[in-house]
Amino acid sequence: MKKQLLKLTLLAVVFFSATIVQGQALYTTSGSYKISTSGLDTNLYMTIDGATGALVWAEELPDNNAAQVWYIAVHRTPASPGLVEITSKAGGIDWTMTTSGVEADHPTYTLTVEKRLPKEVEVGDWSGKDQFQRRKTKVNADGLADSTGSNPSDGNNALFLQTPWGTNSRYGIIPSAAGDPVQFDGGGIDVIQYHLIEAAVASVNTFGLDAFSVYTSNNQLTVKGATSKVKQISIYSVLGNKVLSKTVSNSNGDINLNVTSLSTGLYILKMVGVNGEKFSKKIIKE
């Protein structure tokens, strides 16, 4: 009897701990996430509706269904530091989370997804309406909204949207049922959960494992390898700002890029192939 009681107690502790962890699912790093509400009897997840292409709240789908998996990373051309893009590959299609809202709607928007990559913009330009900011809001020990609580110390539990008309639109409309649209407003900041599936790796290579070798010397960056497959090469600062770019046409030799204008330091090289392949690598300008 004592052994059975002990077993039940341990199970209760495990279940309670799992509940607490779920209530504190945070954004901590670039990677693949599922994004859900917090504190509902059955939490709902941001989902691409396969029938309509709309962005809705839905019950959790099994096996990390792609309709609920989002890649959150530094925006490829952030209008200001700290902004992220939220994309999906559901159905093998490039989707970008955004809104079709207009100035009169601000700060209340219905979020949607569009069949495109995030818009490349200049500093101060939010016209793509696809730039988000992960933020913190105060919670209690269970990870639920509490204005007298404290902010999580090791991650983010809120989400804002920045548009040409302001930066104060945020997740603050809790859905009442599955199928509800995803809506932001300018009211209270509600807790949103980021369930990490897989952290991003330092470099991404869909060309092939050994497609390229990259080196810099005498103010010149040289790319060797499968260069005939490349259509665009770009260099970004560690803050995500594009600092150099070059369009490549049927290169059968090395790709060379003059990097004289770059200060010494760490950068990220990104290449896009003729069929959408991607390659990224950290480089150092000496």
C-alpha atoms as a PDB file:
ATOM      1  CA  MET A   1       0.000   0.000   0.000  1.00  0.00           C
ATOM      2  CA  LYS A   2       2.796   2.384   0.888  1.00  0.00           C
ATOM      3  CA  LYS A   3       4.576   1.552  -2.372  1.00  0.00           C
ATOM      4  CA  GLN A   4       1.403   2.288  -4.374  1.00  0.00           C
ATOM      5  CA  LEU A   5       0.899   5.571  -2.530  1.00  0.00           C
ATOM      6  CA  LEU A   6       4.515   6.556  -3.193  1.00  0.00           C
ATOM      7  CA  LYS A   7       4.115   5.725  -6.892  1.00  0.00           C
ATOM      8  CA  LEU A   8       0.955   7.827  -7.178  1.00  0.00           C
ATOM      9  CA  THR A   9       2.667  10.709  -5.404  1.00  0.00           C
ATOM     10  CA  LEU A  10       5.605  10.571  -7.798  1.00  0.00           C
ATOM     11  CA  LEU A  11       3.258  10.527 -10.778  1.00  0.00           C
ATOM     12  CA  ALA A  12       1.478  13.577  -9.413  1.00  0.00           C
ATOM     13  CA  VAL A  13       4.775  15.397  -9.009  1.00  0.00           C
ATOM     14  CA  VAL A  14       5.800  14.541 -12.583  1.00  0.00           C
ATOM     15  CA  PHE A  15       2.443  15.716 -13.952  1.00  0.00           C
ATOM     16  CA  PHE A  16       2.590  18.941 -11.942  1.00  0.00           C
ATOM     17  CA  SER A  17       6.127  19.642 -13.137  1.00  0.00           C
ATOM     18  CA  ALA A  18       5.132  19.052 -16.751  1.00  0.00           C
ATOM     19  CA  THR A  19       2.243  21.468 -16.349  1.00  0.00           C
ATOM     20  CA  ILE A  20       4.519  24.161 -14.970  1.00  0.00           C
ATOM     21  CA  VAL A  21       7.026  23.678 -17.783  1.00  0.00           C
ATOM     22  CA  GLN A  22       4.254  23.968 -20.367  1.00  0.00           C
ATOM     23  CA  GLY A  23       3.072  27.175 -18.719  1.00  0.00           C
ATOM     24  CA  GLN A  24       6.529  28.676 -19.116  1.00  0.00           C
ATOM     25  CA  ALA A  25       7.386  27.699 -22.694  1.00  0.00           C
ATOM     26  CA  LEU A  26       9.584  30.605 -23.813  1.00  0.00           C
ATOM     27  CA  TYR A  27      11.307  31.980 -26.879  1.00  0.00           C
ATOM     28  CA  THR A  28      15.027  31.588 -26.204  1.00  0.00           C
ATOM     29  CA  THR A  29      16.756  31.225 -29.575  1.00  0.00           C
ATOM     30  CA  SER A  30      16.159  31.184 -33.313  1.00  0.00           C
ATOM     31  CA  GLY A  31      14.562  27.916 -34.345  1.00  0.00           C
ATOM     32  CA  SER A  32      11.368  25.986 -35.009  1.00  0.00           C
ATOM     33  CA  TYR A  33       8.505  26.517 -32.571  1.00  0.00           C
ATOM     34  CA  LYS A  34       4.848  25.810 -32.006  1.00  0.00           C
ATOM     35  CA  ILE A  35       3.057  28.935 -30.738  1.00  0.00           C
ATOM     36  CA  SER A  36       0.136  28.563 -28.350  1.00  0.00           C
ATOM     37  CA  THR A  37      -2.115  30.360 -25.916  1.00  0.00           C
ATOM     38  CA  SER A  38      -1.548  30.048 -22.193  1.00  0.00           C
ATOM     39  CA  GLY A  39      -3.865  29.244 -19.305  1.00  0.00           C
ATOM     40  CA  LEU A  40      -6.857  27.855 -21.251  1.00  0.00           C
ATOM     41  CA  ASP A  41      -8.333  24.484 -20.292  1.00  0.00           C
ATOM     42  CA  THR A  42      -7.184  23.331 -23.720  1.00  0.00           C
ATOM     43  CA  ASN A  43      -4.551  25.619 -25.179  1.00  0.00           C
ATOM     44  CA  LEU A  44      -4.873  26.491 -28.854  1.00  0.00           C
ATOM     45  CA  TYR A  45      -2.086  26.786 -31.436  1.00  0.00           C
ATOM     46  CA  MET A  46      -1.415  29.192 -34.305  1.00  0.00           C
ATOM     47  CA  THR A  47      -2.287  27.119 -37.355  1.00  0.00           C
ATOM     48  CA  ILE A  48      -2.452  27.517 -41.126  1.00  0.00           C
ATOM     49  CA  ASP A  49      -5.884  26.241 -42.159  1.00  0.00           C
ATOM     50  CA  GLY A  50      -5.207  23.801 -44.981  1.00  0.00           C
ATOM     51  CA  ALA A  51      -8.622  24.412 -46.562  1.00  0.00           C
ATOM     52  CA  THR A  52      -8.666  28.217 -46.558  1.00  0.00           C
ATOM     53  CA  GLY A  53      -5.036  29.259 -46.091  1.00  0.00           C
ATOM     54  CA  ALA A  54      -6.136  31.449 -43.171  1.00  0.00           C
ATOM     55  CA  LEU A  55      -4.262  31.792 -39.878  1.00  0.00           C
ATOM     56  CA  VAL A  56      -6.436  30.463 -37.054  1.00  0.00           C
ATOM     57  CA  TRP A  57      -6.255  29.083 -33.544  1.00  0.00           C
ATOM     58  CA  ALA A  58      -6.674  25.292 -33.481  1.00  0.00           C
ATOM     59  CA  GLU A  59      -6.199  22.383 -31.128  1.00  0.00           C
ATOM     60  CA  GLU A  60      -2.743  20.842 -31.168  1.00  0.00           C
ATOM     61  CA  LEU A  61      -2.108  18.531 -34.113  1.00  0.00           C
ATOM     62  CA  PRO A  62      -0.013  15.363 -33.662  1.00  0.00           C
ATOM     63  CA  ASP A  63       3.535  14.727 -34.843  1.00  0.00           C
ATOM     64  CA  ASN A  64       4.575  18.377 -35.101  1.00  0.00           C
ATOM     65  CA  ASN A  65       2.297  18.912 -38.081  1.00  0.00           C
ATOM     66  CA  ALA A  66       3.857  21.502 -40.410  1.00  0.00           C
ATOM     67  CA  ALA A  67       0.680  23.598 -40.290  1.00  0.00           C
ATOM     68  CA  GLN A  68       1.616  24.464 -36.685  1.00  0.00           C
ATOM     69  CA  VAL A  69       5.406  24.667 -36.956  1.00  0.00           C
ATOM     70  CA  TRP A  70       6.908  28.155 -37.276  1.00  0.00           C
ATOM     71  CA  TYR A  71      10.486  29.179 -37.864  1.00  0.00           C
ATOM     72  CA  ILE A  72      11.283  32.267 -35.781  1.00  0.00           C
ATOM     73  CA  ALA A  73      14.562  34.052 -36.484  1.00  0.00           C
ATOM     74  CA  VAL A  74      16.100  37.505 -36.820  1.00  0.00           C
ATOM     75  CA  HIS A  75      14.338  39.253 -39.694  1.00  0.00           C
ATOM     76  CA  ARG A  76      16.479  39.029 -42.815  1.00  0.00           C
ATOM     77  CA  THR A  77      16.395  42.846 -43.208  1.00  0.00           C
ATOM     78  CA  PRO A  78      15.123  44.243 -39.902  1.00  0.00           C
ATOM     79  CA  ALA A  79      13.817  47.804 -39.955  1.00  0.00           C
ATOM     80  CA  SER A  80      15.445  48.174 -36.533  1.00  0.00           C
ATOM     81  CA  PRO A  81      17.450  45.816 -34.275  1.00  0.00           C
ATOM     82  CA  GLY A  82      15.652  43.043 -32.430  1.00  0.00           C
ATOM     83  CA  LEU A  83      12.886  42.298 -34.946  1.00  0.00           C
ATOM     84  CA  VAL A  84      12.084  38.760 -36.040  1.00  0.00           C
ATOM     85  CA  GLU A  85      10.326  37.051 -38.922  1.00  0.00           C
ATOM     86  CA  ILE A  86       7.897  34.153 -38.491  1.00  0.00           C
ATOM     87  CA  THR A  87       7.691  31.759 -41.416  1.00  0.00           C
ATOM     88  CA  SER A  88       6.357  28.302 -42.266  1.00  0.00           C
ATOM     89  CA  LYS A  89       6.919  25.583 -44.841  1.00  0.00           C
ATOM     90  CA  ALA A  90       3.449  24.021 -44.527  1.00  0.00           C
ATOM     91  CA  GLY A  91       2.610  22.079 -47.659  1.00  0.00           C
ATOM     92  CA  GLY A  92       6.105  22.748 -48.996  1.00  0.00           C
ATOM     93  CA  ILE A  93       5.149  26.402 -49.580  1.00  0.00           C
ATOM     94  CA  ASP A  94       6.952  29.474 -48.212  1.00  0.00           C
ATOM     95  CA  TRP A  95       4.510  31.243 -45.865  1.00  0.00           C
ATOM     96  CA  THR A  96       5.164  34.470 -43.975  1.00  0.00           C
ATOM     97  CA  MET A  97       3.104  35.603 -40.997  1.00  0.00           C
ATOM     98  CA  THR A  98       1.865  39.163 -41.504  1.00  0.00           C
ATOM     99  CA  THR A  99      -1.325  41.246 -41.588  1.00  0.00           C
ATOM    100  CA  SER A 100      -3.354  42.860 -44.349  1.00  0.00           C
ATOM    101  CA  GLY A 101      -4.441  45.614 -41.944  1.00  0.00           C
ATOM    102  CA  VAL A 102      -4.470  49.287 -42.875  1.00  0.00           C
ATOM    103  CA  GLU A 103      -3.726  52.467 -40.953  1.00  0.00           C
ATOM    104  CA  ALA A 104      -7.330  52.823 -39.760  1.00  0.00           C
ATOM    105  CA  ASP A 105      -7.089  49.428 -38.048  1.00  0.00           C
ATOM    106  CA  HIS A 106      -4.071  50.233 -35.883  1.00  0.00           C
ATOM    107  CA  PRO A 107      -3.356  48.788 -33.345  1.00  0.00           C
ATOM    108  CA  THR A 108      -6.047  46.101 -33.828  1.00  0.00           C
ATOM    109  CA  TYR A 109      -5.085  43.654 -36.553  1.00  0.00           C
ATOM    110  CA  THR A 110      -6.124  40.233 -37.721  1.00  0.00           C
ATOM    111  CA  LEU A 111      -2.988  38.274 -38.521  1.00  0.00           C
ATOM    112  CA  THR A 112      -2.735  36.245 -41.690  1.00  0.00           C
ATOM    113  CA  VAL A 113      -0.177  34.366 -43.757  1.00  0.00           C
ATOM    114  CA  GLU A 114       0.960  35.126 -47.278  1.00  0.00           C
ATOM    115  CA  LYS A 115       2.646  32.842 -49.802  1.00  0.00           C
ATOM    116  CA  ARG A 116       5.979  34.640 -49.865  1.00  0.00           C
ATOM    117  CA  LEU A 117       9.213  35.149 -48.002  1.00  0.00           C
ATOM    118  CA  PRO A 118       9.544  38.133 -45.639  1.00  0.00           C
ATOM    119  CA  LYS A 119       9.858  41.420 -47.486  1.00  0.00           C
ATOM    120  CA  GLU A 120      13.356  42.839 -47.729  1.00  0.00           C
ATOM    121  CA  VAL A 121      13.240  46.435 -46.488  1.00  0.00           C
ATOM    122  CA  GLU A 122      15.499  49.302 -45.534  1.00  0.00           C
ATOM    123  CA  VAL A 123      16.089  50.583 -42.010  1.00  0.00           C
ATOM    124  CA  GLY A 124      12.920  52.214 -40.675  1.00  0.00           C
ATOM    125  CA  ASP A 125      10.626  50.547 -43.236  1.00  0.00           C
ATOM    126  CA  TRP A 126       7.870  48.313 -41.812  1.00  0.00           C
ATOM    127  CA  SER A 127       5.856  48.197 -45.050  1.00  0.00           C
ATOM    128  CA  GLY A 128       6.102  44.399 -45.259  1.00  0.00           C
ATOM    129  CA  LYS A 129       3.989  44.246 -42.079  1.00  0.00           C
ATOM    130  CA  ASP A 130       5.839  41.029 -41.237  1.00  0.00           C
ATOM    131  CA  GLN A 131       8.226  42.271 -38.540  1.00  0.00           C
ATOM    132  CA  PHE A 132       7.546  40.979 -35.052  1.00  0.00           C
ATOM    133  CA  GLN A 133       9.192  41.526 -31.703  1.00  0.00           C
ATOM    134  CA  ARG A 134       9.337  38.882 -28.991  1.00  0.00           C
ATOM    135  CA  ARG A 135       8.855  40.548 -25.628  1.00  0.00           C
ATOM    136  CA  LYS A 136       8.318  39.839 -21.929  1.00  0.00           C
ATOM    137  CA  THR A 137       5.202  40.212 -19.803  1.00  0.00           C
ATOM    138  CA  LYS A 138       4.850  39.616 -16.072  1.00  0.00           C
ATOM    139  CA  VAL A 139       3.707  36.205 -14.850  1.00  0.00           C
ATOM    140  CA  ASN A 140       3.218  34.267 -11.639  1.00  0.00           C
ATOM    141  CA  ALA A 141       5.065  31.087 -10.660  1.00  0.00           C
ATOM    142  CA  ASP A 142       2.845  29.026 -13.005  1.00  0.00           C
ATOM    143  CA  GLY A 143       3.729  31.166 -16.010  1.00  0.00           C
ATOM    144  CA  LEU A 144       0.294  32.795 -16.169  1.00  0.00           C
ATOM    145  CA  ALA A 145      -0.318  36.528 -16.640  1.00  0.00           C
ATOM    146  CA  ASP A 146       0.037  38.440 -13.359  1.00  0.00           C
ATOM    147  CA  SER A 147       0.722  42.171 -13.213  1.00  0.00           C
ATOM    148  CA  THR A 148       2.251  41.708  -9.741  1.00  0.00           C
ATOM    149  CA  GLY A 149       4.549  38.897 -10.888  1.00  0.00           C
ATOM    150  CA  SER A 150       7.944  39.100 -12.523  1.00  0.00           C
ATOM    151  CA  ASN A 151       9.215  38.860 -16.064  1.00  0.00           C
ATOM    152  CA  PRO A 152      10.791  35.562 -17.096  1.00  0.00           C
ATOM    153  CA  SER A 153      14.543  35.889 -16.803  1.00  0.00           C
ATOM    154  CA  ASP A 154      15.580  33.402 -19.459  1.00  0.00           C
ATOM    155  CA  GLY A 155      13.300  34.021 -22.431  1.00  0.00           C
ATOM    156  CA  ASN A 156      10.289  35.797 -23.937  1.00  0.00           C
ATOM    157  CA  ASN A 157       6.587  35.145 -23.417  1.00  0.00           C
ATOM    158  CA  ALA A 158       4.865  37.900 -25.417  1.00  0.00           C
ATOM    159  CA  LEU A 159       4.662  38.919 -29.070  1.00  0.00           C
ATOM    160  CA  PHE A 160       4.318  42.339 -30.706  1.00  0.00           C
ATOM    161  CA  LEU A 161       3.738  43.320 -34.340  1.00  0.00           C
ATOM    162  CA  GLN A 162       5.351  46.397 -35.854  1.00  0.00           C
ATOM    163  CA  THR A 163       3.691  48.123 -38.822  1.00  0.00           C
ATOM    164  CA  PRO A 164       4.146  51.502 -40.545  1.00  0.00           C
ATOM    165  CA  TRP A 165       1.609  52.961 -38.103  1.00  0.00           C
ATOM    166  CA  GLY A 166       3.099  51.949 -34.776  1.00  0.00           C
ATOM    167  CA  THR A 167       4.853  49.414 -32.611  1.00  0.00           C
ATOM    168  CA  ASN A 168       2.215  48.852 -29.910  1.00  0.00           C
ATOM    169  CA  SER A 169       0.134  46.060 -31.441  1.00  0.00           C
ATOM    170  CA  ARG A 170       0.471  42.839 -29.473  1.00  0.00           C
ATOM    171  CA  TYR A 171      -1.101  39.484 -28.675  1.00  0.00           C
ATOM    172  CA  GLY A 172      -3.848  40.567 -26.324  1.00  0.00           C
ATOM    173  CA  ILE A 173      -7.038  38.945 -27.626  1.00  0.00           C
ATOM    174  CA  ILE A 174      -7.411  35.440 -26.218  1.00  0.00           C
ATOM    175  CA  PRO A 175      -9.398  33.137 -28.543  1.00  0.00           C
ATOM    176  CA  SER A 176     -12.656  31.715 -27.237  1.00  0.00           C
ATOM    177  CA  ALA A 177     -12.734  28.625 -29.442  1.00  0.00           C
ATOM    178  CA  ALA A 178     -10.830  26.681 -32.082  1.00  0.00           C
ATOM    179  CA  GLY A 179     -11.234  28.307 -35.473  1.00  0.00           C
ATOM    180  CA  ASP A 180     -11.016  31.865 -34.138  1.00  0.00           C
ATOM    181  CA  PRO A 181      -8.732  34.203 -36.094  1.00  0.00           C
ATOM    182  CA  VAL A 182      -5.422  35.316 -34.568  1.00  0.00           C
ATOM    183  CA  GLN A 183      -5.922  38.911 -33.445  1.00  0.00           C
ATOM    184  CA  PHE A 184      -3.667  41.545 -31.891  1.00  0.00           C
ATOM    185  CA  ASP A 185      -4.634  44.805 -30.214  1.00  0.00           C
ATOM    186  CA  GLY A 186      -3.213  47.615 -28.128  1.00  0.00           C
ATOM    187  CA  GLY A 187      -4.615  46.488 -24.786  1.00  0.00           C
ATOM    188  CA  GLY A 188      -3.141  44.256 -22.112  1.00  0.00           C
ATOM    189  CA  ILE A 189      -0.212  42.006 -22.945  1.00  0.00           C
ATOM    190  CA  ASP A 190      -1.257  38.360 -22.729  1.00  0.00           C
ATOM    191  CA  VAL A 191       1.102  35.428 -22.314  1.00  0.00           C
ATOM    192  CA  ILE A 192       1.947  33.454 -25.411  1.00  0.00           C
ATOM    193  CA  GLN A 193       3.859  30.182 -25.340  1.00  0.00           C
ATOM    194  CA  TYR A 194       6.765  29.321 -27.617  1.00  0.00           C
ATOM    195  CA  HIS A 195       7.269  25.549 -27.665  1.00  0.00           C
ATOM    196  CA  LEU A 196      10.764  24.909 -29.020  1.00  0.00           C
ATOM    197  CA  ILE A 197      10.975  22.001 -31.449  1.00  0.00           C
ATOM    198  CA  GLU A 198      14.480  22.467 -32.778  1.00  0.00           C
ATOM    199  CA  ALA A 199      17.029  25.235 -32.356  1.00  0.00           C
ATOM    200  CA  ALA A 200      18.519  26.723 -35.514  1.00  0.00           C
ATOM    201  CA  VAL A 201      21.963  25.546 -36.494  1.00  0.00           C
ATOM    202  CA  ALA A 202      24.744  28.050 -37.078  1.00  0.00           C
ATOM    203  CA  SER A 203      24.741  27.466 -40.821  1.00  0.00           C
ATOM    204  CA  VAL A 204      22.083  26.254 -43.251  1.00  0.00           C
ATOM    205  CA  ASN A 205      23.061  24.320 -46.364  1.00  0.00           C
ATOM    206  CA  THR A 206      20.428  22.815 -48.638  1.00  0.00           C
ATOM    207  CA  PHE A 207      22.777  22.784 -51.644  1.00  0.00           C
ATOM    208  CA  GLY A 208      24.614  19.765 -50.272  1.00  0.00           C
ATOM    209  CA  LEU A 209      26.968  19.073 -47.412  1.00  0.00           C
ATOM    210  CA  ASP A 210      30.160  19.943 -49.297  1.00  0.00           C
ATOM    211  CA  ALA A 211      28.819  22.401 -51.845  1.00  0.00           C
ATOM    212  CA  PHE A 212      31.091  25.352 -51.014  1.00  0.00           C
ATOM    213  CA  SER A 213      34.297  26.539 -49.460  1.00  0.00           C
ATOM    214  CA  VAL A 214      34.439  30.206 -48.474  1.00  0.00           C
ATOM    215  CA  TYR A 215      37.405  32.361 -47.505  1.00  0.00           C
ATOM    216  CA  THR A 216      38.376  36.027 -47.305  1.00  0.00           C
ATOM    217  CA  SER A 217      41.738  37.482 -48.231  1.00  0.00           C
ATOM    218  CA  ASN A 218      42.996  40.935 -49.242  1.00  0.00           C
ATOM    219  CA  ASN A 219      39.509  42.501 -49.016  1.00  0.00           C
ATOM    220  CA  GLN A 220      38.025  39.850 -51.281  1.00  0.00           C
ATOM    221  CA  LEU A 221      35.576  37.113 -50.396  1.00  0.00           C
ATOM    222  CA  THR A 222      35.865  34.019 -52.588  1.00  0.00           C
ATOM    223  CA  VAL A 223      33.359  31.199 -52.924  1.00  0.00           C
ATOM    224  CA  LYS A 224      34.438  27.927 -54.524  1.00  0.00           C
ATOM    225  CA  GLY A 225      32.280  24.921 -55.307  1.00  0.00           C
ATOM    226  CA  ALA A 226      28.818  24.557 -56.842  1.00  0.00           C
ATOM    227  CA  THR A 227      28.736  28.191 -57.943  1.00  0.00           C
ATOM    228  CA  SER A 228      26.725  27.500 -61.121  1.00  0.00           C
ATOM    229  CA  LYS A 229      23.708  26.842 -58.887  1.00  0.00           C
ATOM    230  CA  VAL A 230      23.876  30.253 -57.147  1.00  0.00           C
ATOM    231  CA  LYS A 231      21.704  33.212 -58.159  1.00  0.00           C
ATOM    232  CA  GLN A 232      22.153  35.593 -55.222  1.00  0.00           C
ATOM    233  CA  ILE A 233      24.873  36.160 -52.627  1.00  0.00           C
ATOM    234  CA  SER A 234      24.441  38.543 -49.686  1.00  0.00           C
ATOM    235  CA  ILE A 235      26.348  39.514 -46.560  1.00  0.00           C
ATOM    236  CA  TYR A 236      24.566  40.515 -43.342  1.00  0.00           C
ATOM    237  CA  SER A 237      25.769  42.050 -40.112  1.00  0.00           C
ATOM    238  CA  VAL A 238      25.174  40.066 -36.923  1.00  0.00           C
ATOM    239  CA  LEU A 239      22.175  42.359 -36.294  1.00  0.00           C
ATOM    240  CA  GLY A 240      20.620  41.143 -39.528  1.00  0.00           C
ATOM    241  CA  ASN A 241      21.267  44.198 -41.695  1.00  0.00           C
ATOM    242  CA  LYS A 242      22.205  43.480 -45.312  1.00  0.00           C
ATOM    243  CA  VAL A 243      25.535  45.194 -46.024  1.00  0.00           C
ATOM    244  CA  LEU A 244      26.483  43.738 -49.427  1.00  0.00           C
ATOM    245  CA  SER A 245      24.651  41.870 -52.171  1.00  0.00           C
ATOM    246  CA  LYS A 246      25.415  40.505 -55.624  1.00  0.00           C
ATOM    247  CA  THR A 247      23.329  38.798 -58.281  1.00  0.00           C
ATOM    248  CA  VAL A 248      25.093  35.875 -59.935  1.00  0.00           C
ATOM    249  CA  SER A 249      24.360  34.689 -63.506  1.00  0.00           C
ATOM    250  CA  ASN A 250      25.408  31.163 -64.505  1.00  0.00           C
ATOM    251  CA  SER A 251      28.778  31.331 -62.803  1.00  0.00           C
ATOM    252  CA  ASN A 252      30.988  28.409 -63.768  1.00  0.00           C
ATOM    253  CA  GLY A 253      33.969  29.579 -61.766  1.00  0.00           C
ATOM    254  CA  ASP A 254      34.713  31.124 -58.403  1.00  0.00           C
ATOM    255  CA  ILE A 255      32.417  33.861 -57.067  1.00  0.00           C
ATOM    256  CA  ASN A 256      34.325  36.905 -55.869  1.00  0.00           C
ATOM    257  CA  LEU A 257      32.936  39.759 -53.812  1.00  0.00           C
ATOM    258  CA  ASN A 258      34.841  42.917 -52.891  1.00  0.00           C
ATOM    259  CA  VAL A 259      34.491  43.451 -49.136  1.00  0.00           C
ATOM    260  CA  THR A 260      36.701  46.532 -48.798  1.00  0.00           C
ATOM    261  CA  SER A 261      33.764  48.573 -47.486  1.00  0.00           C
ATOM    262  CA  LEU A 262      33.202  46.236 -44.539  1.00  0.00           C
ATOM    263  CA  SER A 263      34.734  46.879 -41.146  1.00  0.00           C
ATOM    264  CA  THR A 264      36.628  44.062 -39.480  1.00  0.00           C
ATOM    265  CA  GLY A 265      34.391  41.686 -37.589  1.00  0.00           C
ATOM    266  CA  LEU A 266      31.853  38.864 -37.810  1.00  0.00           C
ATOM    267  CA  TYR A 267      29.299  38.654 -40.632  1.00  0.00           C
ATOM    268  CA  ILE A 268      26.845  36.128 -42.052  1.00  0.00           C
ATOM    269  CA  LEU A 269      27.111  35.054 -45.671  1.00  0.00           C
ATOM    270  CA  LYS A 270      23.864  33.895 -47.298  1.00  0.00           C
ATOM    271  CA  MET A 271      23.395  32.427 -50.764  1.00  0.00           C
ATOM    272  CA  VAL A 272      20.215  31.487 -52.612  1.00  0.00           C
ATOM    273  CA  GLY A 273      20.193  28.987 -55.470  1.00  0.00           C
ATOM    274  CA  VAL A 274      18.324  28.967 -58.758  1.00  0.00           C
ATOM    275  CA  ASN A 275      15.876  26.442 -57.304  1.00  0.00           C
ATOM    276  CA  GLY A 276      15.571  28.097 -53.902  1.00  0.00           C
ATOM    277  CA  GLU A 277      18.417  26.231 -52.210  1.00  0.00           C
ATOM    278  CA  LYS A 278      19.994  28.056 -49.283  1.00  0.00           C
ATOM    279  CA  PHE A 279      23.459  28.285 -47.788  1.00  0.00           C
ATOM    280  CA  SER A 280      24.590  30.390 -44.846  1.00  0.00           C
ATOM    281  CA  LYS A 281      27.890  30.605 -43.039  1.00  0.00           C
ATOM    282  CA  LYS A 282      29.544  32.857 -40.498  1.00  0.00           C
ATOM    283  CA  ILE A 283      32.553  34.681 -41.905  1.00  0.00           C
ATOM    284  CA  ILE A 284      35.180  36.974 -40.399  1.00  0.00           C
ATOM    285  CA  LYS A 285      36.449  40.077 -42.160  1.00  0.00           C
ATOM    286  CA  GLU A 286      40.011  40.644 -40.941  1.00  0.00           C
END
